[in-house]
C-alpha atoms as a PDB file:
ATOM      1  CA  MET A   1     -37.576 -60.820  13.962  1.00  0.00           C
ATOM      2  CA  PRO A   2     -36.401 -59.835  10.498  1.00  0.00           C
ATOM      3  CA  ARG A   3     -32.810 -59.756   9.922  1.00  0.00           C
ATOM      4  CA  SER A   4     -31.490 -55.921   9.792  1.00  0.00           C
ATOM      5  CA  GLU A   5     -28.593 -56.255   7.433  1.00  0.00           C
ATOM      6  CA  PRO A   6     -27.794 -57.793   4.987  1.00  0.00           C
ATOM      7  CA  ALA A   7     -30.721 -56.976   2.442  1.00  0.00           C
ATOM      8  CA  PRO A   8     -31.539 -60.743   2.312  1.00  0.00           C
ATOM      9  CA  GLY A   9     -32.199 -60.508  -1.576  1.00  0.00           C
ATOM     10  CA  ASP A  10     -28.698 -59.554  -2.249  1.00  0.00           C
ATOM     11  CA  THR A  11     -26.511 -62.675  -2.455  1.00  0.00           C
ATOM     12  CA  ASP A  12     -22.987 -61.044  -2.492  1.00  0.00           C
ATOM     13  CA  ALA A  13     -23.859 -59.349   0.725  1.00  0.00           C
ATOM     14  CA  LEU A  14     -25.065 -62.545   2.368  1.00  0.00           C
ATOM     15  CA  ILE A  15     -21.623 -64.075   1.479  1.00  0.00           C
ATOM     16  CA  ASP A  16     -19.944 -61.112   2.759  1.00  0.00           C
ATOM     17  CA  ALA A  17     -21.829 -61.311   5.852  1.00  0.00           C
ATOM     18  CA  VAL A  18     -20.855 -64.780   6.545  1.00  0.00           C
ATOM     19  CA  ILE A  19     -17.504 -64.531   5.617  1.00  0.00           C
ATOM     20  CA  ASN A  20     -17.219 -61.401   8.139  1.00  0.00           C
ATOM     21  CA  ARG A  21     -18.604 -63.329  10.751  1.00  0.00           C
ATOM     22  CA  GLU A  22     -16.534 -66.638  10.503  1.00  0.00           C
ATOM     23  CA  GLY A  23     -13.128 -64.601   9.865  1.00  0.00           C
ATOM     24  CA  ARG A  24      -9.737 -65.552   8.852  1.00  0.00           C
ATOM     25  CA  TYR A  25      -7.857 -68.550   9.751  1.00  0.00           C
ATOM     26  CA  VAL A  26      -8.749 -70.822  12.879  1.00  0.00           C
ATOM     27  CA  ASN A  27      -7.810 -74.037  13.845  1.00  0.00           C
ATOM     28  CA  HIS A  28      -9.866 -74.395  17.367  1.00  0.00           C
ATOM     29  CA  PRO A  29      -9.035 -77.774  19.129  1.00  0.00           C
ATOM     30  CA  ALA A  30     -12.663 -78.348  19.764  1.00  0.00           C
ATOM     31  CA  ASP A  31     -13.926 -77.453  16.383  1.00  0.00           C
ATOM     32  CA  ARG A  32     -14.437 -80.954  14.912  1.00  0.00           C
ATOM     33  CA  GLY A  33     -14.754 -79.238  11.262  1.00  0.00           C
ATOM     34  CA  GLY A  34     -10.832 -78.894  11.837  1.00  0.00           C
ATOM     35  CA  PRO A  35      -8.817 -76.039  10.252  1.00  0.00           C
ATOM     36  CA  THR A  36     -10.862 -73.325   8.652  1.00  0.00           C
ATOM     37  CA  CYS A  37     -10.337 -70.254   6.464  1.00  0.00           C
ATOM     38  CA  TRP A  38     -13.283 -67.806   6.062  1.00  0.00           C
ATOM     39  CA  GLY A  39     -15.375 -70.609   7.679  1.00  0.00           C
ATOM     40  CA  ILE A  40     -14.785 -72.912   5.050  1.00  0.00           C
ATOM     41  CA  THR A  41     -13.284 -76.466   6.324  1.00  0.00           C
ATOM     42  CA  GLU A  42     -10.081 -77.814   4.772  1.00  0.00           C
ATOM     43  CA  ALA A  43     -12.170 -81.186   3.670  1.00  0.00           C
ATOM     44  CA  VAL A  44     -14.519 -78.910   1.978  1.00  0.00           C
ATOM     45  CA  ALA A  45     -11.809 -76.580   0.314  1.00  0.00           C
ATOM     46  CA  ARG A  46     -10.155 -79.979  -0.769  1.00  0.00           C
ATOM     47  CA  ALA A  47     -12.964 -81.113  -2.454  1.00  0.00           C
ATOM     48  CA  GLU A  48     -13.582 -78.038  -4.084  1.00  0.00           C
ATOM     49  CA  GLY A  49     -10.102 -78.422  -5.435  1.00  0.00           C
ATOM     50  CA  TYR A  50      -8.260 -75.913  -3.372  1.00  0.00           C
ATOM     51  CA  ALA A  51      -4.380 -77.379  -2.816  1.00  0.00           C
ATOM     52  CA  GLY A  52      -2.972 -74.557  -0.730  1.00  0.00           C
ATOM     53  CA  ALA A  53      -2.053 -74.038   3.001  1.00  0.00           C
ATOM     54  CA  MET A  54      -5.741 -73.139   4.867  1.00  0.00           C
ATOM     55  CA  ARG A  55      -4.127 -70.196   5.888  1.00  0.00           C
ATOM     56  CA  ASP A  56      -3.910 -68.659   2.588  1.00  0.00           C
ATOM     57  CA  LEU A  57      -7.258 -69.467   0.979  1.00  0.00           C
ATOM     58  CA  ALA A  58      -8.430 -66.216  -0.750  1.00  0.00           C
ATOM     59  CA  ARG A  59     -11.437 -64.500   0.198  1.00  0.00           C
ATOM     60  CA  ASP A  60     -12.737 -64.288  -3.085  1.00  0.00           C
ATOM     61  CA  GLU A  61     -12.285 -68.297  -3.565  1.00  0.00           C
ATOM     62  CA  ALA A  62     -14.380 -68.686   0.078  1.00  0.00           C
ATOM     63  CA  ALA A  63     -16.892 -66.443  -1.752  1.00  0.00           C
ATOM     64  CA  ALA A  64     -17.087 -68.990  -4.747  1.00  0.00           C
ATOM     65  CA  ILE A  65     -17.558 -71.957  -3.064  1.00  0.00           C
ATOM     66  CA  TYR A  66     -20.308 -70.182  -0.428  1.00  0.00           C
ATOM     67  CA  ARG A  67     -22.267 -69.448  -3.911  1.00  0.00           C
ATOM     68  CA  ARG A  68     -21.820 -72.922  -5.546  1.00  0.00           C
ATOM     69  CA  LEU A  69     -22.193 -75.226  -2.450  1.00  0.00           C
ATOM     70  CA  TYR A  70     -24.249 -72.999  -0.126  1.00  0.00           C
ATOM     71  CA  TRP A  71     -26.643 -71.073  -2.252  1.00  0.00           C
ATOM     72  CA  LEU A  72     -26.972 -72.692  -5.940  1.00  0.00           C
ATOM     73  CA  ARG A  73     -26.570 -76.273  -5.395  1.00  0.00           C
ATOM     74  CA  PRO A  74     -29.048 -76.683  -2.185  1.00  0.00           C
ATOM     75  CA  GLY A  75     -31.399 -74.597  -4.516  1.00  0.00           C
ATOM     76  CA  PHE A  76     -31.813 -71.699  -2.084  1.00  0.00           C
ATOM     77  CA  ASP A  77     -31.534 -69.366  -4.776  1.00  0.00           C
ATOM     78  CA  ARG A  78     -35.222 -70.555  -6.166  1.00  0.00           C
ATOM     79  CA  VAL A  79     -36.566 -69.884  -2.318  1.00  0.00           C
ATOM     80  CA  ALA A  80     -34.898 -66.074  -2.570  1.00  0.00           C
ATOM     81  CA  LEU A  81     -37.622 -65.715  -5.486  1.00  0.00           C
ATOM     82  CA  ARG A  82     -40.322 -66.019  -3.038  1.00  0.00           C
ATOM     83  CA  ALA A  83     -38.909 -65.501   0.629  1.00  0.00           C
ATOM     84  CA  PRO A  84     -35.852 -63.519   0.697  1.00  0.00           C
ATOM     85  CA  LEU A  85     -35.654 -63.883   4.641  1.00  0.00           C
ATOM     86  CA  ILE A  86     -36.020 -67.578   4.592  1.00  0.00           C
ATOM     87  CA  ALA A  87     -33.476 -67.941   1.794  1.00  0.00           C
ATOM     88  CA  ALA A  88     -31.142 -65.763   4.092  1.00  0.00           C
ATOM     89  CA  GLU A  89     -31.837 -68.009   6.881  1.00  0.00           C
ATOM     90  CA  LEU A  90     -31.210 -71.241   4.841  1.00  0.00           C
ATOM     91  CA  PHE A  91     -28.048 -70.080   3.771  1.00  0.00           C
ATOM     92  CA  ASP A  92     -26.842 -69.232   6.929  1.00  0.00           C
ATOM     93  CA  THR A  93     -27.864 -72.148   8.622  1.00  0.00           C
ATOM     94  CA  GLY A  94     -26.788 -74.147   5.695  1.00  0.00           C
ATOM     95  CA  VAL A  95     -22.979 -73.055   5.987  1.00  0.00           C
ATOM     96  CA  ASN A  96     -23.150 -73.582  10.069  1.00  0.00           C
ATOM     97  CA  MET A  97     -25.184 -77.200  10.010  1.00  0.00           C
ATOM     98  CA  GLY A  98     -25.495 -78.277   6.735  1.00  0.00           C
ATOM     99  CA  THR A  99     -27.623 -77.264   3.932  1.00  0.00           C
ATOM    100  CA  GLY A 100     -29.662 -80.761   4.105  1.00  0.00           C
ATOM    101  CA  THR A 101     -30.160 -79.642   8.021  1.00  0.00           C
ATOM    102  CA  ALA A 102     -31.241 -76.290   7.040  1.00  0.00           C
ATOM    103  CA  ALA A 103     -33.908 -77.558   4.158  1.00  0.00           C
ATOM    104  CA  GLY A 104     -34.996 -79.911   6.672  1.00  0.00           C
ATOM    105  CA  PHE A 105     -35.679 -77.284   9.372  1.00  0.00           C
ATOM    106  CA  LEU A 106     -37.684 -75.414   6.573  1.00  0.00           C
ATOM    107  CA  GLN A 107     -39.968 -78.695   5.635  1.00  0.00           C
ATOM    108  CA  ARG A 108     -40.439 -79.466   9.264  1.00  0.00           C
ATOM    109  CA  ALA A 109     -41.862 -76.190   9.826  1.00  0.00           C
ATOM    110  CA  LEU A 110     -43.880 -76.185   6.961  1.00  0.00           C
ATOM    111  CA  ASN A 111     -45.489 -78.912   7.755  1.00  0.00           C
ATOM    112  CA  ALA A 112     -46.208 -78.097  11.359  1.00  0.00           C
ATOM    113  CA  LEU A 113     -47.706 -74.979  10.209  1.00  0.00           C
ATOM    114  CA  ASN A 114     -49.935 -76.308   7.449  1.00  0.00           C
ATOM    115  CA  ARG A 115     -52.749 -76.696  10.227  1.00  0.00           C
ATOM    116  CA  THR A 116     -52.985 -80.522   9.676  1.00  0.00           C
ATOM    117  CA  ALA A 117     -52.713 -80.545   5.882  1.00  0.00           C
ATOM    118  CA  ARG A 118     -55.902 -77.971   5.430  1.00  0.00           C
ATOM    119  CA  ASP A 119     -53.826 -75.308   3.762  1.00  0.00           C
ATOM    120  CA  TYR A 120     -51.564 -77.601   1.563  1.00  0.00           C
ATOM    121  CA  PRO A 121     -50.409 -80.932   2.226  1.00  0.00           C
ATOM    122  CA  ASP A 122     -47.309 -82.425   4.010  1.00  0.00           C
ATOM    123  CA  ILE A 123     -44.211 -82.604   2.193  1.00  0.00           C
ATOM    124  CA  ALA A 124     -41.319 -85.374   3.006  1.00  0.00           C
ATOM    125  CA  VAL A 125     -38.822 -83.877   5.224  1.00  0.00           C
ATOM    126  CA  ASP A 126     -35.873 -85.507   2.454  1.00  0.00           C
ATOM    127  CA  ARG A 127     -33.854 -82.530   3.502  1.00  0.00           C
ATOM    128  CA  ALA A 128     -33.861 -80.926   0.001  1.00  0.00           C
ATOM    129  CA  ILE A 129     -35.501 -78.133  -1.727  1.00  0.00           C
ATOM    130  CA  GLY A 130     -37.504 -79.258  -4.647  1.00  0.00           C
ATOM    131  CA  PRO A 131     -41.012 -78.878  -6.570  1.00  0.00           C
ATOM    132  CA  ARG A 132     -42.840 -79.869  -3.316  1.00  0.00           C
ATOM    133  CA  THR A 133     -41.187 -77.857  -0.919  1.00  0.00           C
ATOM    134  CA  LEU A 134     -41.273 -74.992  -3.526  1.00  0.00           C
ATOM    135  CA  SER A 135     -45.488 -75.638  -3.714  1.00  0.00           C
ATOM    136  CA  ALA A 136     -45.665 -75.828   0.036  1.00  0.00           C
ATOM    137  CA  LEU A 137     -43.702 -72.440   0.598  1.00  0.00           C
ATOM    138  CA  ASP A 138     -45.924 -70.827  -2.110  1.00  0.00           C
ATOM    139  CA  ALA A 139     -49.064 -71.923  -0.396  1.00  0.00           C
ATOM    140  CA  PHE A 140     -48.071 -71.111   3.167  1.00  0.00           C
ATOM    141  CA  LEU A 141     -46.840 -67.500   2.022  1.00  0.00           C
ATOM    142  CA  ARG A 142     -50.164 -67.225   0.210  1.00  0.00           C
ATOM    143  CA  THR A 143     -52.223 -68.399   2.687  1.00  0.00           C
ATOM    144  CA  ARG A 144     -50.623 -66.582   5.732  1.00  0.00           C
ATOM    145  CA  ALA A 145     -49.575 -63.209   4.129  1.00  0.00           C
ATOM    146  CA  PRO A 146     -48.392 -60.865   5.072  1.00  0.00           C
ATOM    147  CA  GLY A 147     -46.747 -61.908   8.185  1.00  0.00           C
ATOM    148  CA  GLY A 148     -46.340 -65.698   7.377  1.00  0.00           C
ATOM    149  CA  GLU A 149     -42.265 -65.219   6.243  1.00  0.00           C
ATOM    150  CA  THR A 150     -41.462 -63.641   9.505  1.00  0.00           C
ATOM    151  CA  VAL A 151     -43.712 -66.668  11.425  1.00  0.00           C
ATOM    152  CA  LEU A 152     -41.596 -69.450   9.318  1.00  0.00           C
ATOM    153  CA  LEU A 153     -38.439 -67.362  10.065  1.00  0.00           C
ATOM    154  CA  ARG A 154     -39.064 -67.921  13.547  1.00  0.00           C
ATOM    155  CA  ALA A 155     -40.050 -71.612  13.305  1.00  0.00           C
ATOM    156  CA  MET A 156     -36.598 -72.032  11.568  1.00  0.00           C
ATOM    157  CA  GLU A 157     -34.768 -70.350  14.120  1.00  0.00           C
ATOM    158  CA  ALA A 158     -36.531 -72.201  17.102  1.00  0.00           C
ATOM    159  CA  LEU A 159     -35.339 -75.666  15.363  1.00  0.00           C
ATOM    160  CA  GLN A 160     -31.930 -74.354  15.051  1.00  0.00           C
ATOM    161  CA  GLY A 161     -31.778 -73.163  18.716  1.00  0.00           C
ATOM    162  CA  GLU A 162     -32.907 -76.227  19.817  1.00  0.00           C
ATOM    163  CA  ARG A 163     -30.323 -78.252  17.875  1.00  0.00           C
ATOM    164  CA  TYR A 164     -27.334 -75.969  19.329  1.00  0.00           C
ATOM    165  CA  ILE A 165     -28.309 -76.652  23.072  1.00  0.00           C
ATOM    166  CA  ALA A 166     -28.871 -80.348  22.253  1.00  0.00           C
ATOM    167  CA  LEU A 167     -25.364 -80.756  20.865  1.00  0.00           C
ATOM    168  CA  ALA A 168     -23.778 -78.879  23.605  1.00  0.00           C
ATOM    169  CA  GLU A 169     -25.690 -81.093  26.037  1.00  0.00           C
ATOM    170  CA  ARG A 170     -24.590 -84.172  24.182  1.00  0.00           C
ATOM    171  CA  ARG A 171     -21.019 -82.642  23.596  1.00  0.00           C
ATOM    172  CA  PRO A 172     -19.837 -80.969  26.276  1.00  0.00           C
ATOM    173  CA  SER A 173     -16.519 -79.675  24.165  1.00  0.00           C
ATOM    174  CA  GLN A 174     -19.080 -77.708  21.719  1.00  0.00           C
ATOM    175  CA  GLU A 175     -20.294 -75.498  24.960  1.00  0.00           C
ATOM    176  CA  ALA A 176     -17.244 -73.515  23.860  1.00  0.00           C
ATOM    177  CA  PHE A 177     -19.316 -72.731  20.895  1.00  0.00           C
ATOM    178  CA  LEU A 178     -23.012 -72.392  22.246  1.00  0.00           C
ATOM    179  CA  TYR A 179     -22.841 -68.591  23.343  1.00  0.00           C
ATOM    180  CA  GLY A 180     -21.418 -67.713  19.674  1.00  0.00           C
ATOM    181  CA  TRP A 181     -24.252 -69.781  17.895  1.00  0.00           C
ATOM    182  CA  LEU A 182     -26.987 -68.302  19.839  1.00  0.00           C
ATOM    183  CA  ALA A 183     -25.298 -64.755  19.400  1.00  0.00           C
ATOM    184  CA  ASN A 184     -24.410 -64.891  16.031  1.00  0.00           C
ATOM    185  CA  ARG A 185     -26.719 -67.467  14.417  1.00  0.00           C
ATOM    186  CA  ILE A 186     -30.372 -66.643  15.736  1.00  0.00           C
ATOM    187  CA  GLY A 187     -31.875 -63.657  15.067  1.00  0.00           C
ATOM    188  CA  PRO A 188     -31.052 -60.384  13.348  1.00  0.00           C
ATOM    189  CA  HIS A 189     -27.008 -60.212  12.960  1.00  0.00           C
END
């Protein structure tokens, strides 16, 4: 299902939606990421030069980190020019699971949907958005128009949902987060 809010082409709205979902300061004992504020982990904040208390991380500083690390650096902005729903999903998944994992879901889905390389060649699942991934995405969207973007989005969300369940199965402490992940990270929100 396509996302209802925010408009997928609006990067500021995507960042605001993630920040709103993530909320202010949290330090859940079962969260392996440790203290977070606005969804930014302490390790990421420190790597980006933030030296203050995590409780005091400014919302606009968190937004700048999201834009830099989770939108521009992985190339999701280039995907947005072709498929805004896919870019929105990459961003949201990248925030929660890592941008490499998100890109890998896109690459795996593109490979599985290319009808044994008849529509376009398989691409390496290298977890990076590069020219071959963008070329495969372009070919997929051309071949599967008009509903291709929605189907690709569903495939990526299926991979994401499976990963959440597998994580909870492997690490029972993560069951504390499974319901929220499935409620807030899969499908429209």
